[in-house]
Amino acid sequence: MATRHDTAAPPVKEGGAAPGRPPAAPTEAEQRHRARLSRRWQRDLRWSPYAFVSPFFLLFLAFGLFPLVYTGWASLHQVELTDPTDMTWVGLRNYTRIFDDDFFWNAARNTLTIGIISTVPQLLMAMGLAHILNYKLRASTFYRVAMLAPYATSIAAASLVFVLLFGRDYGMINWALHFVGVDAIDWQNDKWPSQIAVSSIVVWRWTGYNALIYLAAMQAIPQDLYESAALDGASRWKQFLHVTLPSLRPTILFTVVVSTIGASQVFGEPLLFDANKGASGGAEHQFQTLGLYLYEQGWVNQHLGRASAIAWTMFLILIVVGIVNYVISRRLRASS
């Protein structure tokens, strides 16, 4: 049976509202006001992001770019700390002088060895700790905070504690080595022991920080990969080698680059570890880094031009590190 569909409008109730009238056309003044608001909104939409980020660029210009340019200009002059406005143009003589200085190359070698001794164990330990924390543990939040505690500790406090630990006569490290038949080691005056001691401070401060970075990257790995590997009979160790490490490749590269940059700028640890409390890095410069060498030239010997040349040399080294990082990352992306 067909159904009838009425299309007539429903009746209007008595006392109901009358049909609405069409809105009145805006006046010329209202049109100008709306156009002005529209232009203001468009300007705000276009320029407000730049206003939000401008404080960073202003601070970077004042405390980053200007010191960098001024240091490069000062490196081409002979200028002393006692009269920084008196500059004498010498060209590249400051660079040739530091490259002919045996203390510069000694500091460069010390920076390299301390960087290797501190970076490699630090990242390996951070990877192991992150792998342990990645499992469900009781009080996991406490362990994560404990990992970050050394990073939050000041360099001065940590270095002074390690000076006591590595003391030759009454240090706890030599006291423990005495029980295993090892004679007392002069950690501050011997070359390799002093570099190991300085590196241990860096390892203690930064291992937990890198462990948390690795932990965050591990938790972002899909669990399906581990389940598939477990179904294929892979053990925990094989899962770590074939699932975790390949997934952490970009993070590992990032931590290696950051740690390398940090190792090239090591300053506070060797400065406070020196028994003479100077910038020489020991009596025979045995653990003087490039940072200490720069400080010694600029603020002890008061040669600001030469210190500026050292600073720019370190900057160029970091640029080379960045280029190597870029090439390696491109090859890793291409291979994967």
Foldseek 3Di string as FASTA:
>chain_A
DDDDDDDDDDDDDPPDDDDDDDDDDDDPVVVVVVVVVVVVVVVCVVCVVVVVCVVVVVCCVVPPVVVLVVLVVLLQWWAFQVGRVDTHGNGNPLVVVLVPDPLNVLQAVLLVVLLVLQQVVLLVLLLVVLVVLLDDDPPSVVVLVVLQVLQPDDLLVLLVVLLQQLDQPRHVVQVVVVVVPDHGDHQQADQVSVSNSLSVSSSSRCSSVLSVLLNVQQVPFDCVLVVVCVVVPDDPVRCCVPPSVVSCVVVVLVSSLVSSLVSLQDDSNQQSSHPVNALCSGPPSSNRHLNSVLCCVCPVVRGSNSSSSSVVVSVVVSVVSVVVSVVVVVVSVVVD
